C-alpha atoms as a PDB file:
ATOM      1  CA  UNK A   1      -8.735  22.624  -9.912  1.00  0.00           C
ATOM      2  CA  UNK A   2      -8.371  18.973 -10.757  1.00  0.00           C
ATOM      3  CA  UNK A   3      -4.763  17.699 -11.139  1.00  0.00           C
ATOM      4  CA  UNK A   4      -4.525  14.947 -13.655  1.00  0.00           C
ATOM      5  CA  UNK A   5      -0.898  14.090 -12.757  1.00  0.00           C
ATOM      6  CA  UNK A   6      -1.981  13.060  -9.097  1.00  0.00           C
ATOM      7  CA  UNK A   7      -3.888  10.208  -8.010  1.00  0.00           C
ATOM      8  CA  UNK A   8      -6.725  11.347  -5.801  1.00  0.00           C
ATOM      9  CA  UNK A   9      -8.180   9.188  -2.977  1.00  0.00           C
ATOM     10  CA  UNK A  10     -11.922   9.977  -3.644  1.00  0.00           C
ATOM     11  CA  UNK A  11     -12.142   8.799  -7.181  1.00  0.00           C
ATOM     12  CA  UNK A  12     -10.352   5.680  -6.264  1.00  0.00           C
ATOM     13  CA  UNK A  13     -12.911   5.035  -3.421  1.00  0.00           C
ATOM     14  CA  UNK A  14     -15.784   5.758  -5.723  1.00  0.00           C
ATOM     15  CA  UNK A  15     -14.465   3.210  -8.273  1.00  0.00           C
ATOM     16  CA  UNK A  16     -13.988   0.731  -5.635  1.00  0.00           C
ATOM     17  CA  UNK A  17     -17.758   1.254  -4.414  1.00  0.00           C
ATOM     18  CA  UNK A  18     -19.103   0.814  -8.086  1.00  0.00           C
ATOM     19  CA  UNK A  19     -17.047  -2.517  -8.442  1.00  0.00           C
ATOM     20  CA  UNK A  20     -18.401  -3.793  -5.302  1.00  0.00           C
ATOM     21  CA  UNK A  21     -22.006  -3.188  -6.399  1.00  0.00           C
ATOM     22  CA  UNK A  22     -21.193  -4.709  -9.780  1.00  0.00           C
ATOM     23  CA  UNK A  23     -19.815  -7.822  -8.155  1.00  0.00           C
ATOM     24  CA  UNK A  24     -22.853  -8.083  -5.671  1.00  0.00           C
ATOM     25  CA  UNK A  25     -25.147  -7.834  -8.505  1.00  0.00           C
ATOM     26  CA  UNK A  26     -23.476 -10.427 -10.611  1.00  0.00           C
ATOM     27  CA  UNK A  27     -22.439 -12.836  -7.833  1.00  0.00           C
ATOM     28  CA  UNK A  28     -24.808 -12.015  -4.868  1.00  0.00           C
ATOM     29  CA  UNK A  29     -23.759 -13.708  -1.491  1.00  0.00           C
ATOM     30  CA  UNK A  30     -20.319 -14.699  -2.903  1.00  0.00           C
ATOM     31  CA  UNK A  31     -17.161 -14.557  -1.060  1.00  0.00           C
ATOM     32  CA  UNK A  32     -15.780 -12.299  -3.591  1.00  0.00           C
ATOM     33  CA  UNK A  33     -18.646  -9.796  -3.024  1.00  0.00           C
ATOM     34  CA  UNK A  34     -17.776  -9.721   0.702  1.00  0.00           C
ATOM     35  CA  UNK A  35     -14.141  -9.155  -0.020  1.00  0.00           C
ATOM     36  CA  UNK A  36     -15.118  -6.220  -2.282  1.00  0.00           C
ATOM     37  CA  UNK A  37     -17.414  -4.734   0.493  1.00  0.00           C
ATOM     38  CA  UNK A  38     -14.342  -5.133   2.899  1.00  0.00           C
ATOM     39  CA  UNK A  39     -12.206  -3.349   0.363  1.00  0.00           C
ATOM     40  CA  UNK A  40     -14.772  -0.443   0.250  1.00  0.00           C
ATOM     41  CA  UNK A  41     -14.451  -0.030   4.155  1.00  0.00           C
ATOM     42  CA  UNK A  42     -10.659  -0.284   3.814  1.00  0.00           C
ATOM     43  CA  UNK A  43     -10.555   2.267   0.997  1.00  0.00           C
ATOM     44  CA  UNK A  44     -12.456   4.766   3.331  1.00  0.00           C
ATOM     45  CA  UNK A  45     -10.115   4.205   6.105  1.00  0.00           C
ATOM     46  CA  UNK A  46      -7.080   4.478   3.705  1.00  0.00           C
ATOM     47  CA  UNK A  47      -8.433   7.899   2.626  1.00  0.00           C
ATOM     48  CA  UNK A  48      -8.833   9.047   6.236  1.00  0.00           C
ATOM     49  CA  UNK A  49      -5.095   7.900   6.803  1.00  0.00           C
ATOM     50  CA  UNK A  50      -3.828   9.653   3.761  1.00  0.00           C
ATOM     51  CA  UNK A  51      -5.412  12.857   4.801  1.00  0.00           C
ATOM     52  CA  UNK A  52      -3.863  12.686   8.209  1.00  0.00           C
ATOM     53  CA  UNK A  53      -0.440  11.852   6.915  1.00  0.00           C
ATOM     54  CA  UNK A  54      -0.552  14.941   4.836  1.00  0.00           C
ATOM     55  CA  UNK A  55      -1.087  17.134   7.774  1.00  0.00           C
ATOM     56  CA  UNK A  56       2.069  18.307   9.699  1.00  0.00           C
ATOM     57  CA  UNK A  57       2.611  17.003  13.338  1.00  0.00           C
ATOM     58  CA  UNK A  58       2.827  20.508  14.774  1.00  0.00           C
ATOM     59  CA  UNK A  59       3.546  19.403  18.280  1.00  0.00           C
ATOM     60  CA  UNK A  60       6.667  17.119  17.114  1.00  0.00           C
ATOM     61  CA  UNK A  61       7.774  20.146  15.063  1.00  0.00           C
ATOM     62  CA  UNK A  62       7.552  22.500  17.953  1.00  0.00           C
ATOM     63  CA  UNK A  63       9.545  20.119  20.114  1.00  0.00           C
ATOM     64  CA  UNK A  64      11.914  19.873  17.516  1.00  0.00           C
ATOM     65  CA  UNK A  65      12.454  23.686  17.143  1.00  0.00           C
ATOM     66  CA  UNK A  66      12.663  24.218  20.914  1.00  0.00           C
ATOM     67  CA  UNK A  67      15.517  21.547  21.176  1.00  0.00           C
ATOM     68  CA  UNK A  68      17.425  23.047  18.252  1.00  0.00           C
ATOM     69  CA  UNK A  69      17.003  26.462  19.673  1.00  0.00           C
ATOM     70  CA  UNK A  70      18.346  25.289  23.087  1.00  0.00           C
ATOM     71  CA  UNK A  71      21.155  23.611  21.319  1.00  0.00           C
ATOM     72  CA  UNK A  72      22.110  26.864  19.554  1.00  0.00           C
ATOM     73  CA  UNK A  73      21.613  28.824  22.651  1.00  0.00           C
ATOM     74  CA  UNK A  74      24.086  26.540  24.605  1.00  0.00           C
ATOM     75  CA  UNK A  75      26.709  26.733  21.907  1.00  0.00           C
ATOM     76  CA  UNK A  76      26.582  30.524  22.088  1.00  0.00           C
ATOM     77  CA  UNK A  77      26.552  30.747  25.754  1.00  0.00           C
ATOM     78  CA  UNK A  78      29.577  28.346  25.989  1.00  0.00           C
ATOM     79  CA  UNK A  79      31.408  30.388  23.369  1.00  0.00           C
ATOM     80  CA  UNK A  80      30.641  33.713  25.308  1.00  0.00           C
ATOM     81  CA  UNK A  81      31.711  32.154  28.760  1.00  0.00           C
ATOM     82  CA  UNK A  82      34.759  30.750  27.237  1.00  0.00           C
ATOM     83  CA  UNK A  83      35.696  34.128  25.673  1.00  0.00           C
ATOM     84  CA  UNK A  84      35.174  35.845  29.155  1.00  0.00           C
ATOM     85  CA  UNK A  85      37.384  33.406  30.882  1.00  0.00           C
ATOM     86  CA  UNK A  86      40.153  33.719  28.238  1.00  0.00           C
ATOM     87  CA  UNK A  87      40.087  37.602  28.491  1.00  0.00           C
ATOM     88  CA  UNK A  88      40.041  37.444  32.370  1.00  0.00           C
ATOM     89  CA  UNK A  89      42.846  34.923  32.653  1.00  0.00           C
ATOM     90  CA  UNK A  90      41.381  33.642  35.861  1.00  0.00           C
ATOM     91  CA  UNK A  91      41.263  29.912  34.735  1.00  0.00           C
ATOM     92  CA  UNK A  92      43.654  27.002  34.686  1.00  0.00           C
ATOM     93  CA  UNK A  93      44.318  24.488  32.040  1.00  0.00           C
ATOM     94  CA  UNK A  94      42.202  21.820  33.999  1.00  0.00           C
ATOM     95  CA  UNK A  95      39.240  24.051  34.632  1.00  0.00           C
ATOM     96  CA  UNK A  96      39.229  24.788  30.894  1.00  0.00           C
ATOM     97  CA  UNK A  97      39.354  21.275  30.024  1.00  0.00           C
ATOM     98  CA  UNK A  98      36.583  20.452  32.439  1.00  0.00           C
ATOM     99  CA  UNK A  99      34.331  23.229  31.123  1.00  0.00           C
ATOM    100  CA  UNK A 100      34.870  21.994  27.580  1.00  0.00           C
ATOM    101  CA  UNK A 101      34.213  18.362  28.625  1.00  0.00           C
ATOM    102  CA  UNK A 102      30.932  19.483  30.413  1.00  0.00           C
ATOM    103  CA  UNK A 103      29.909  21.668  27.414  1.00  0.00           C
ATOM    104  CA  UNK A 104      30.618  18.803  24.987  1.00  0.00           C
ATOM    105  CA  UNK A 105      28.524  16.402  26.987  1.00  0.00           C
ATOM    106  CA  UNK A 106      25.637  18.826  26.902  1.00  0.00           C
ATOM    107  CA  UNK A 107      25.920  19.404  23.158  1.00  0.00           C
ATOM    108  CA  UNK A 108      25.981  15.768  22.385  1.00  0.00           C
ATOM    109  CA  UNK A 109      22.897  15.099  24.523  1.00  0.00           C
ATOM    110  CA  UNK A 110      20.912  17.872  22.913  1.00  0.00           C
ATOM    111  CA  UNK A 111      21.975  16.942  19.490  1.00  0.00           C
ATOM    112  CA  UNK A 112      20.702  13.428  19.971  1.00  0.00           C
ATOM    113  CA  UNK A 113      17.542  14.771  21.385  1.00  0.00           C
ATOM    114  CA  UNK A 114      17.126  17.018  18.383  1.00  0.00           C
ATOM    115  CA  UNK A 115      17.843  14.177  15.857  1.00  0.00           C
ATOM    116  CA  UNK A 116      15.218  12.101  17.629  1.00  0.00           C
ATOM    117  CA  UNK A 117      12.489  14.803  17.530  1.00  0.00           C
ATOM    118  CA  UNK A 118      13.298  15.859  13.975  1.00  0.00           C
ATOM    119  CA  UNK A 119      12.821  12.208  12.770  1.00  0.00           C
ATOM    120  CA  UNK A 120       9.837  11.539  15.046  1.00  0.00           C
ATOM    121  CA  UNK A 121       7.317  12.851  12.695  1.00  0.00           C
ATOM    122  CA  UNK A 122       8.635  10.713   9.861  1.00  0.00           C
ATOM    123  CA  UNK A 123       8.690   7.533  12.027  1.00  0.00           C
ATOM    124  CA  UNK A 124       5.189   8.081  13.402  1.00  0.00           C
ATOM    125  CA  UNK A 125       3.735   8.609   9.969  1.00  0.00           C
ATOM    126  CA  UNK A 126       5.889   5.560   8.590  1.00  0.00           C
ATOM    127  CA  UNK A 127       4.235   3.389  11.194  1.00  0.00           C
ATOM    128  CA  UNK A 128       0.784   4.320  10.403  1.00  0.00           C
ATOM    129  CA  UNK A 129       1.255   3.912   6.736  1.00  0.00           C
ATOM    130  CA  UNK A 130       2.826   0.491   7.067  1.00  0.00           C
ATOM    131  CA  UNK A 131       0.063  -0.555   9.236  1.00  0.00           C
ATOM    132  CA  UNK A 132      -2.461   0.219   6.262  1.00  0.00           C
ATOM    133  CA  UNK A 133      -0.227  -1.119   3.630  1.00  0.00           C
ATOM    134  CA  UNK A 134      -0.121  -4.486   5.622  1.00  0.00           C
ATOM    135  CA  UNK A 135      -3.919  -4.681   5.445  1.00  0.00           C
ATOM    136  CA  UNK A 136      -3.915  -4.006   1.649  1.00  0.00           C
ATOM    137  CA  UNK A 137      -1.352  -6.705   1.104  1.00  0.00           C
ATOM    138  CA  UNK A 138      -3.561  -9.063   3.112  1.00  0.00           C
ATOM    139  CA  UNK A 139      -6.505  -8.208   1.011  1.00  0.00           C
ATOM    140  CA  UNK A 140      -4.372  -8.898  -2.262  1.00  0.00           C
ATOM    141  CA  UNK A 141      -3.714 -12.451  -0.877  1.00  0.00           C
ATOM    142  CA  UNK A 142      -7.411 -12.979   0.080  1.00  0.00           C
ATOM    143  CA  UNK A 143      -8.456 -12.112  -3.552  1.00  0.00           C
ATOM    144  CA  UNK A 144      -6.008 -14.529  -4.938  1.00  0.00           C
ATOM    145  CA  UNK A 145      -7.353 -17.257  -2.629  1.00  0.00           C
ATOM    146  CA  UNK A 146     -10.836 -16.588  -4.286  1.00  0.00           C
ATOM    147  CA  UNK A 147      -9.526 -17.140  -7.782  1.00  0.00           C
ATOM    148  CA  UNK A 148      -7.076 -19.875  -6.953  1.00  0.00           C
ATOM    149  CA  UNK A 149      -9.546 -22.835  -7.448  1.00  0.00           C
ATOM    150  CA  UNK A 150     -11.123 -21.250 -10.515  1.00  0.00           C
ATOM    151  CA  UNK A 151      -9.481 -23.606 -13.119  1.00  0.00           C
ATOM    152  CA  UNK A 152     -10.510 -22.775 -16.725  1.00  0.00           C
ATOM    153  CA  UNK A 153      -9.959 -26.232 -17.818  1.00  0.00           C
ATOM    154  CA  UNK A 154     -12.762 -27.372 -15.646  1.00  0.00           C
ATOM    155  CA  UNK A 155     -15.114 -24.993 -17.335  1.00  0.00           C
ATOM    156  CA  UNK A 156     -14.126 -26.153 -20.905  1.00  0.00           C
ATOM    157  CA  UNK A 157     -14.618 -29.938 -20.318  1.00  0.00           C
ATOM    158  CA  UNK A 158     -16.354 -32.109 -17.776  1.00  0.00           C
ATOM    159  CA  UNK A 159     -13.907 -33.480 -15.108  1.00  0.00           C
ATOM    160  CA  UNK A 160     -14.999 -36.055 -12.488  1.00  0.00           C
ATOM    161  CA  UNK A 161     -14.923 -34.457  -9.068  1.00  0.00           C
ATOM    162  CA  UNK A 162     -13.481 -36.166  -5.934  1.00  0.00           C
ATOM    163  CA  UNK A 163     -14.683 -35.872  -2.296  1.00  0.00           C
ATOM    164  CA  UNK A 164     -12.175 -33.084  -1.583  1.00  0.00           C
ATOM    165  CA  UNK A 165     -12.893 -31.127  -4.954  1.00  0.00           C
ATOM    166  CA  UNK A 166     -13.933 -27.513  -4.486  1.00  0.00           C
ATOM    167  CA  UNK A 167     -17.478 -26.590  -5.442  1.00  0.00           C
ATOM    168  CA  UNK A 168     -17.761 -25.694  -9.124  1.00  0.00           C
ATOM    169  CA  UNK A 169     -20.615 -23.044  -9.253  1.00  0.00           C
ATOM    170  CA  UNK A 170     -19.551 -20.832 -12.121  1.00  0.00           C
ATOM    171  CA  UNK A 171     -20.556 -21.519 -15.696  1.00  0.00           C
ATOM    172  CA  UNK A 172     -18.444 -21.040 -18.776  1.00  0.00           C
ATOM    173  CA  UNK A 173     -19.590 -17.494 -19.226  1.00  0.00           C
ATOM    174  CA  UNK A 174     -19.515 -16.562 -15.457  1.00  0.00           C
ATOM    175  CA  UNK A 175     -15.919 -17.626 -15.010  1.00  0.00           C
ATOM    176  CA  UNK A 176     -14.148 -14.800 -17.226  1.00  0.00           C
ATOM    177  CA  UNK A 177     -16.305 -12.154 -15.542  1.00  0.00           C
ATOM    178  CA  UNK A 178     -15.463 -13.557 -12.230  1.00  0.00           C
ATOM    179  CA  UNK A 179     -11.746 -13.601 -12.891  1.00  0.00           C
ATOM    180  CA  UNK A 180     -11.879 -10.164 -14.273  1.00  0.00           C
ATOM    181  CA  UNK A 181     -13.444  -8.868 -11.072  1.00  0.00           C
ATOM    182  CA  UNK A 182     -10.638 -10.454  -9.240  1.00  0.00           C
ATOM    183  CA  UNK A 183      -8.161  -8.612 -11.496  1.00  0.00           C
ATOM    184  CA  UNK A 184      -9.868  -5.347 -11.007  1.00  0.00           C
ATOM    185  CA  UNK A 185      -9.892  -5.702  -7.272  1.00  0.00           C
ATOM    186  CA  UNK A 186      -6.108  -6.320  -7.147  1.00  0.00           C
ATOM    187  CA  UNK A 187      -5.600  -3.354  -9.402  1.00  0.00           C
ATOM    188  CA  UNK A 188      -7.500  -1.024  -7.160  1.00  0.00           C
ATOM    189  CA  UNK A 189      -5.815  -2.441  -4.232  1.00  0.00           C
ATOM    190  CA  UNK A 190      -2.477  -1.394  -5.745  1.00  0.00           C
ATOM    191  CA  UNK A 191      -3.906   2.006  -6.304  1.00  0.00           C
ATOM    192  CA  UNK A 192      -4.806   2.428  -2.719  1.00  0.00           C
ATOM    193  CA  UNK A 193      -1.315   1.608  -1.872  1.00  0.00           C
ATOM    194  CA  UNK A 194       0.242   4.012  -4.366  1.00  0.00           C
ATOM    195  CA  UNK A 195      -1.618   6.618  -2.629  1.00  0.00           C
ATOM    196  CA  UNK A 196       0.890   6.478   0.253  1.00  0.00           C
ATOM    197  CA  UNK A 197       3.855   7.078  -2.100  1.00  0.00           C
ATOM    198  CA  UNK A 198       2.663  10.494  -3.255  1.00  0.00           C
ATOM    199  CA  UNK A 199       3.025  12.798  -0.215  1.00  0.00           C
ATOM    200  CA  UNK A 200       5.119  10.562   2.209  1.00  0.00           C
ATOM    201  CA  UNK A 201       8.813  10.671   0.983  1.00  0.00           C
ATOM    202  CA  UNK A 202       9.995   7.797   3.160  1.00  0.00           C
ATOM    203  CA  UNK A 203      12.262   4.889   1.732  1.00  0.00           C
ATOM    204  CA  UNK A 204      10.683   2.191   3.861  1.00  0.00           C
ATOM    205  CA  UNK A 205       7.115   3.245   2.845  1.00  0.00           C
ATOM    206  CA  UNK A 206       8.018   3.486  -0.926  1.00  0.00           C
ATOM    207  CA  UNK A 207       9.581   0.043  -0.757  1.00  0.00           C
ATOM    208  CA  UNK A 208       6.414  -1.315   0.863  1.00  0.00           C
ATOM    209  CA  UNK A 209       4.322   0.180  -1.791  1.00  0.00           C
ATOM    210  CA  UNK A 210       6.558  -1.003  -4.499  1.00  0.00           C
ATOM    211  CA  UNK A 211       6.226  -4.640  -3.045  1.00  0.00           C
ATOM    212  CA  UNK A 212       2.390  -4.470  -3.155  1.00  0.00           C
ATOM    213  CA  UNK A 213       2.361  -3.077  -6.764  1.00  0.00           C
ATOM    214  CA  UNK A 214       4.646  -6.064  -7.695  1.00  0.00           C
ATOM    215  CA  UNK A 215       2.536  -8.618  -5.670  1.00  0.00           C
ATOM    216  CA  UNK A 216      -0.614  -7.361  -7.315  1.00  0.00           C
ATOM    217  CA  UNK A 217       0.729  -7.269 -10.793  1.00  0.00           C
ATOM    218  CA  UNK A 218       1.974 -10.907 -10.499  1.00  0.00           C
ATOM    219  CA  UNK A 219      -1.198 -11.983  -9.115  1.00  0.00           C
ATOM    220  CA  UNK A 220      -3.169 -10.236 -11.866  1.00  0.00           C
ATOM    221  CA  UNK A 221      -0.926 -11.759 -14.379  1.00  0.00           C
ATOM    222  CA  UNK A 222      -1.806 -15.288 -13.339  1.00  0.00           C
ATOM    223  CA  UNK A 223      -5.587 -14.456 -13.525  1.00  0.00           C
ATOM    224  CA  UNK A 224      -5.201 -12.937 -17.143  1.00  0.00           C
ATOM    225  CA  UNK A 225      -3.511 -16.261 -18.237  1.00  0.00           C
ATOM    226  CA  UNK A 226      -6.611 -18.128 -17.073  1.00  0.00           C
ATOM    227  CA  UNK A 227      -8.930 -15.443 -18.911  1.00  0.00           C
ATOM    228  CA  UNK A 228      -6.762 -15.921 -22.062  1.00  0.00           C
ATOM    229  CA  UNK A 229      -7.278 -19.591 -22.010  1.00  0.00           C
ATOM    230  CA  UNK A 230     -10.920 -19.242 -21.881  1.00  0.00           C
ATOM    231  CA  UNK A 231     -11.043 -16.624 -24.606  1.00  0.00           C
ATOM    232  CA  UNK A 232      -8.766 -18.798 -26.899  1.00  0.00           C
ATOM    233  CA  UNK A 233     -11.040 -21.827 -26.233  1.00  0.00           C
ATOM    234  CA  UNK A 234     -14.085 -20.022 -27.056  1.00  0.00           C
ATOM    235  CA  UNK A 235     -13.644 -19.422 -30.856  1.00  0.00           C
ATOM    236  CA  UNK A 236     -12.702 -23.044 -31.199  1.00  0.00           C
ATOM    237  CA  UNK A 237     -15.701 -24.430 -29.459  1.00  0.00           C
ATOM    238  CA  UNK A 238     -17.920 -22.227 -31.643  1.00  0.00           C
ATOM    239  CA  UNK A 239     -16.088 -23.406 -34.795  1.00  0.00           C
ATOM    240  CA  UNK A 240     -16.525 -26.993 -33.792  1.00  0.00           C
ATOM    241  CA  UNK A 241     -20.336 -26.283 -33.280  1.00  0.00           C
ATOM    242  CA  UNK A 242     -20.472 -24.742 -36.594  1.00  0.00           C
ATOM    243  CA  UNK A 243     -18.743 -27.194 -38.559  1.00  0.00           C
ATOM    244  CA  UNK A 244     -20.587 -30.279 -37.421  1.00  0.00           C
ATOM    245  CA  UNK A 245     -23.722 -29.480 -39.512  1.00  0.00           C
ATOM    246  CA  UNK A 246     -21.578 -28.723 -42.493  1.00  0.00           C
ATOM    247  CA  UNK A 247     -19.892 -32.067 -42.192  1.00  0.00           C
ATOM    248  CA  UNK A 248     -23.272 -33.785 -42.032  1.00  0.00           C
ATOM    249  CA  UNK A 249     -24.584 -31.966 -45.146  1.00  0.00           C
ATOM    250  CA  UNK A 250     -21.462 -32.949 -46.955  1.00  0.00           C
ATOM    251  CA  UNK A 251     -21.893 -36.575 -46.081  1.00  0.00           C
END
């Protein structure tokens, strides 16, 4: 049964694959199409990581259970021995203090081991998730680099290039589509990161996911500002084209 209140990895990966094909068909051989293809690979790896993170680490849980059982057994044994010594009356105060000190040292040691093993599964999964989130953050910055030099002003009017100017290969109609693809890539990158926050209840991972979502939202906002400039200039250009013959007729 499909759950619509939960983000599923498979549809996200499918959407990324379709987007990569769209970009390749519209801009074949472009750097953005290569980034999209890389995101397809990362999405498949991300899905595998998500599936692994959802599985419990039974060996870690077994070790933690054995350690806790040993800790409980030591407490019970110490209590029984102390009770026998009290009933027998065959121990001195110094012997009692030594026994209590030894038992306390063992309890502290086993408690630390138990705490380490109980948190081991979370820390291992956190490290795996953060490694994947780091890749997603890098892809977001790479997408931003591809749209960085796409200045809408240069598509609206002719500007003389210098020796260090980047190549301007996109037409007036191609540039909005290119920028829209960049925004879609950023949005899907954010969705890949959000998958880690659904089943891994870890504060560090949640913070990393929130950082990526904020980063992609900020980068996408800059892209849509460029798209808005192009969309606003289009009606003005069309109006200027239509009004020129009208003025000639009036003259």
